[in-house]
Amino acid sequence: MYSWRKSSYSGPGDGNECVEIAPTPTHTAVRDSKAPARATLTFPAPAFSTFLEALKSTSLR
């Protein structure tokens, strides 16, 4: 189904204090790594890319 991956900033220990993403060509799914069996959020790929770029530019300020 999805190929989930965690950020390298996942937190100490087992690294379960973050979100996981599963990108596909058409969309990106997001879930809470502490509760992976719960619902996921799904975004169109262009919208998620725009979101990430906005985060990057904000964090540089």
Protein backbone atom coordinates (compact mmCIF):
# COMPACT_ATOMS: atom_id res chain seq x y z
CA MET A 1 0.00 0.00 0.00
CA TYR A 2 2.05 3.00 1.23
CA SER A 3 5.77 3.15 1.81
CA TRP A 4 6.02 5.22 5.00
CA ARG A 5 9.14 7.12 6.07
CA LYS A 6 10.06 9.20 9.10
CA SER A 7 11.96 12.43 9.28
CA SER A 8 15.55 12.37 10.48
CA TYR A 9 14.24 14.78 13.17
CA SER A 10 11.97 12.11 14.69
CA GLY A 11 13.09 12.59 18.26
CA PRO A 12 15.20 10.58 20.69
CA GLY A 13 15.02 6.86 21.38
CA ASP A 14 12.78 4.97 19.02
CA GLY A 15 11.97 8.12 17.04
CA ASN A 16 8.20 7.88 17.37
CA GLU A 17 7.59 11.57 18.12
CA CYS A 18 6.85 12.76 14.62
CA VAL A 19 4.73 12.37 11.58
CA GLU A 20 5.43 9.95 8.78
CA ILE A 21 4.85 10.61 5.11
CA ALA A 22 4.17 8.34 2.17
CA PRO A 23 4.63 10.18 -1.11
CA THR A 24 3.18 8.87 -4.38
CA PRO A 25 3.23 10.49 -7.82
CA THR A 26 -0.23 12.03 -7.28
CA HIS A 27 -0.51 12.68 -3.53
CA THR A 28 1.23 12.52 -0.16
CA ALA A 29 -0.26 10.75 2.84
CA VAL A 30 0.61 11.88 6.38
CA ARG A 31 0.08 10.02 9.66
CA ASP A 32 1.03 10.27 13.33
CA SER A 33 3.89 7.87 14.06
CA LYS A 34 2.57 7.31 17.60
CA ALA A 35 -0.77 6.06 16.24
CA PRO A 36 -0.12 4.65 12.75
CA ALA A 37 -3.37 2.65 12.68
CA ARG A 38 -5.45 5.82 12.96
CA ALA A 39 -6.63 7.93 10.05
CA THR A 40 -4.23 9.52 7.60
CA LEU A 41 -4.39 12.88 5.90
CA THR A 42 -3.93 12.94 2.15
CA PHE A 43 -2.82 15.97 0.13
CA PRO A 44 -2.39 16.47 -3.62
CA ALA A 45 1.33 16.28 -4.41
CA PRO A 46 1.62 19.92 -5.61
CA ALA A 47 -0.11 21.23 -2.46
CA PHE A 48 2.20 19.25 -0.18
CA SER A 49 5.29 20.48 -2.05
CA THR A 50 4.09 24.07 -1.66
CA PHE A 51 3.52 23.45 2.05
CA LEU A 52 7.06 22.10 2.52
CA GLU A 53 8.59 25.04 0.66
CA ALA A 54 6.66 27.45 2.88
CA LEU A 55 7.97 25.69 5.99
CA LYS A 56 11.54 25.86 4.72
CA SER A 57 11.34 29.56 3.98
CA THR A 58 9.70 30.31 7.34
CA SER A 59 12.32 28.38 9.30
CA LEU A 60 15.10 30.46 7.75
CA ARG A 61 13.76 33.69 9.23
